[in-house]
Amino acid sequence: MTFPKIGNLAPTFALLDQEGSKVKLQDFRGQKNVVVYFYPKAMTPGCTVQAAGLRDSAEQLAKRNTAVLGISPDASKRLAKFAERDSLNFTLLSDEDHEVANKYGAWGPKKFMGREFDGILRTTFIIGQDGRLKAVLDKFKTKSHHDDLLAALDGLGFK
């Protein structure tokens, strides 16, 4: 898959969150920077570690005027359980048909335990207040993702 080009407008979307409410990317334009991160499955070990790092970085992200949107192919109901179980303080979005993941190049071939299949490619996109894609992070460890993200935001001048 190919990622959208940095500098271009980020692909728009409207998805249901963990509460069943529709969230549109364009609602943030002119208001906040947005981190859109794709993760494979709610309540799995790696995804939980990654989400907890973002949860615990809420204050630093707020200082950078940045909202977090986590996207997975899970149904809203499962996302609600994930948010409640782990006290997540950011929005989780359901992309069950992986249409948005396709637009962002975050859906494609994966290998796990010798098996090859299509799925979510763990990827993070930083979108500025102007709606343009500023950076893509696709090589990170789940336990240090939040640190890599904060460093990338600082590198973009979102301090």
Protein backbone atom coordinates (compact mmCIF):
# COMPACT_ATOMS: atom_id res chain seq x y z
CA MET A 1 0.00 0.00 0.00
CA THR A 2 1.03 3.57 -0.55
CA PHE A 3 0.65 6.28 2.08
CA PRO A 4 -0.95 9.63 1.18
CA LYS A 5 1.65 12.22 0.20
CA ILE A 6 3.01 14.46 2.94
CA GLY A 7 1.85 18.03 2.31
CA ASN A 8 -1.42 16.96 0.70
CA LEU A 9 -4.78 17.19 2.41
CA ALA A 10 -5.31 14.10 4.54
CA PRO A 11 -8.02 11.76 3.26
CA THR A 12 -11.31 12.69 4.93
CA PHE A 13 -13.48 10.27 6.83
CA ALA A 14 -16.50 10.01 9.10
CA LEU A 15 -16.57 6.98 11.42
CA LEU A 16 -18.46 5.88 14.51
CA ASP A 17 -16.63 6.20 17.83
CA GLN A 18 -16.79 3.98 20.91
CA GLU A 19 -20.04 5.73 21.94
CA GLY A 20 -21.69 5.20 18.55
CA SER A 21 -21.34 8.90 17.59
CA LYS A 22 -20.08 9.99 14.19
CA VAL A 23 -16.65 11.67 14.20
CA LYS A 24 -15.41 13.54 11.11
CA LEU A 25 -11.78 14.41 10.51
CA GLN A 26 -12.83 17.77 9.03
CA ASP A 27 -14.35 18.78 12.39
CA PHE A 28 -10.81 19.30 13.72
CA ARG A 29 -9.67 21.54 10.87
CA GLY A 30 -8.62 24.96 12.11
CA GLN A 31 -8.97 23.74 15.71
CA LYS A 32 -6.39 21.04 16.50
CA ASN A 33 -3.59 18.95 15.12
CA VAL A 34 -4.72 15.34 14.80
CA VAL A 35 -2.89 12.08 15.31
CA VAL A 36 -4.62 9.27 13.43
CA TYR A 37 -3.20 5.92 14.41
CA PHE A 38 -4.23 2.56 13.01
CA TYR A 39 -3.98 -0.51 15.24
CA PRO A 40 -4.97 -4.12 14.52
CA LYS A 41 -7.31 -5.14 17.35
CA ALA A 42 -8.66 -3.69 20.60
CA MET A 43 -7.72 -5.38 23.88
CA THR A 44 -4.75 -7.32 22.50
CA PRO A 45 -1.38 -7.00 24.29
CA GLY A 46 0.48 -4.79 21.77
CA CYS A 47 -2.50 -2.55 21.08
CA THR A 48 -3.15 -2.14 24.80
CA VAL A 49 0.47 -1.10 25.47
CA GLN A 50 0.33 1.39 22.58
CA ALA A 51 -3.00 2.86 23.73
CA ALA A 52 -1.82 3.12 27.36
CA GLY A 53 1.23 5.12 26.24
CA LEU A 54 -1.03 7.57 24.42
CA ARG A 55 -3.43 7.72 27.37
CA ASP A 56 -0.56 8.53 29.73
CA SER A 57 0.72 11.23 27.32
CA ALA A 58 -2.59 13.14 27.27
CA GLU A 59 -1.14 16.19 29.03
CA GLN A 60 1.83 16.46 26.64
CA LEU A 61 -0.45 16.01 23.63
CA ALA A 62 -2.82 18.70 24.94
CA LYS A 63 0.13 21.11 25.27
CA ARG A 64 0.77 20.48 21.57
CA ASN A 65 -2.93 21.14 20.76
CA THR A 66 -3.21 17.59 19.41
CA ALA A 67 -6.18 15.22 19.42
CA VAL A 68 -5.76 11.44 19.08
CA LEU A 69 -7.99 9.23 16.96
CA GLY A 70 -7.31 5.49 17.15
CA ILE A 71 -8.76 3.48 14.26
CA SER A 72 -9.24 -0.30 14.08
CA PRO A 73 -11.58 -2.72 12.33
CA ASP A 74 -13.31 -3.45 15.65
CA ALA A 75 -17.02 -2.73 16.13
CA SER A 76 -17.98 0.27 18.30
CA LYS A 77 -19.16 -2.05 21.09
CA ARG A 78 -15.71 -3.65 21.41
CA LEU A 79 -14.08 -0.21 21.32
CA ALA A 80 -16.31 0.89 24.21
CA LYS A 81 -15.13 -2.10 26.27
CA PHE A 82 -11.49 -1.31 25.41
CA ALA A 83 -11.87 2.37 26.36
CA GLU A 84 -13.57 1.50 29.63
CA ARG A 85 -11.27 -1.38 30.60
CA ASP A 86 -8.11 0.67 30.05
CA SER A 87 -9.45 4.13 31.00
CA LEU A 88 -8.60 5.48 27.56
CA ASN A 89 -9.00 9.26 27.31
CA PHE A 90 -9.07 9.65 23.53
CA THR A 91 -11.40 8.71 20.69
CA LEU A 92 -11.47 5.22 19.20
CA LEU A 93 -13.06 4.80 15.77
CA SER A 94 -14.55 1.75 14.07
CA ASP A 95 -13.44 1.05 10.49
CA GLU A 96 -15.02 -2.40 10.12
CA ASP A 97 -14.80 -2.48 6.32
CA HIS A 98 -11.24 -1.02 6.47
CA GLU A 99 -12.20 1.63 3.90
CA VAL A 100 -10.36 4.40 5.77
CA ALA A 101 -7.34 2.14 6.39
CA ASN A 102 -7.21 1.54 2.62
CA LYS A 103 -7.30 5.30 1.91
CA TYR A 104 -4.34 5.80 4.25
CA GLY A 105 -2.34 2.82 3.01
CA ALA A 106 -2.66 1.17 6.43
CA TRP A 107 -4.24 -2.07 5.16
CA GLY A 108 -2.20 -4.74 3.45
CA PRO A 109 -0.35 -8.05 3.60
CA LYS A 110 1.02 -9.15 6.98
CA LYS A 111 2.76 -12.22 8.31
CA PHE A 112 2.10 -13.75 11.70
CA MET A 113 3.36 -17.12 12.88
CA GLY A 114 4.17 -18.17 9.32
CA ARG A 115 0.72 -17.24 8.03
CA GLU A 116 0.16 -14.45 5.49
CA PHE A 117 -3.07 -12.44 5.48
CA ASP A 118 -4.38 -8.91 4.93
CA GLY A 119 -4.83 -6.70 7.95
CA ILE A 120 -4.10 -3.36 9.61
CA LEU A 121 -0.52 -2.17 9.23
CA ARG A 122 0.31 -0.37 12.48
CA THR A 123 0.79 3.20 11.21
CA THR A 124 0.46 6.73 12.63
CA PHE A 125 -0.33 9.89 10.69
CA ILE A 126 0.15 13.45 11.95
CA ILE A 127 -2.26 15.96 10.44
CA GLY A 128 -1.88 19.69 11.01
CA GLN A 129 -4.67 22.14 11.84
CA ASP A 130 -4.72 22.99 8.14
CA GLY A 131 -5.85 19.43 7.35
CA ARG A 132 -2.59 18.56 5.62
CA LEU A 133 -0.56 15.43 6.29
CA LYS A 134 2.63 16.43 8.11
CA ALA A 135 4.29 13.08 8.92
CA VAL A 136 3.89 9.30 8.83
CA LEU A 137 5.32 6.96 11.47
CA ASP A 138 5.40 3.31 10.48
CA LYS A 139 8.51 1.96 12.19
CA PHE A 140 8.18 2.00 15.97
CA LYS A 141 7.73 -0.26 18.95
CA THR A 142 4.32 -0.24 20.63
CA LYS A 143 5.82 0.49 24.05
CA SER A 144 7.70 3.58 22.84
CA HIS A 145 5.19 4.78 20.22
CA HIS A 146 4.06 7.73 22.37
CA ASP A 147 7.68 8.92 22.83
CA ASP A 148 8.33 8.67 19.08
CA LEU A 149 5.10 10.54 18.41
CA LEU A 150 5.91 13.38 20.84
CA ALA A 151 9.39 13.70 19.29
CA ALA A 152 7.84 13.87 15.80
CA LEU A 153 5.34 16.53 16.95
CA ASP A 154 8.18 18.57 18.45
CA GLY A 155 10.17 18.17 15.22
CA LEU A 156 7.23 19.67 13.35
CA GLY A 157 7.18 22.64 15.72
CA PHE A 158 3.98 21.53 17.52
CA LYS A 159 5.39 22.46 20.93
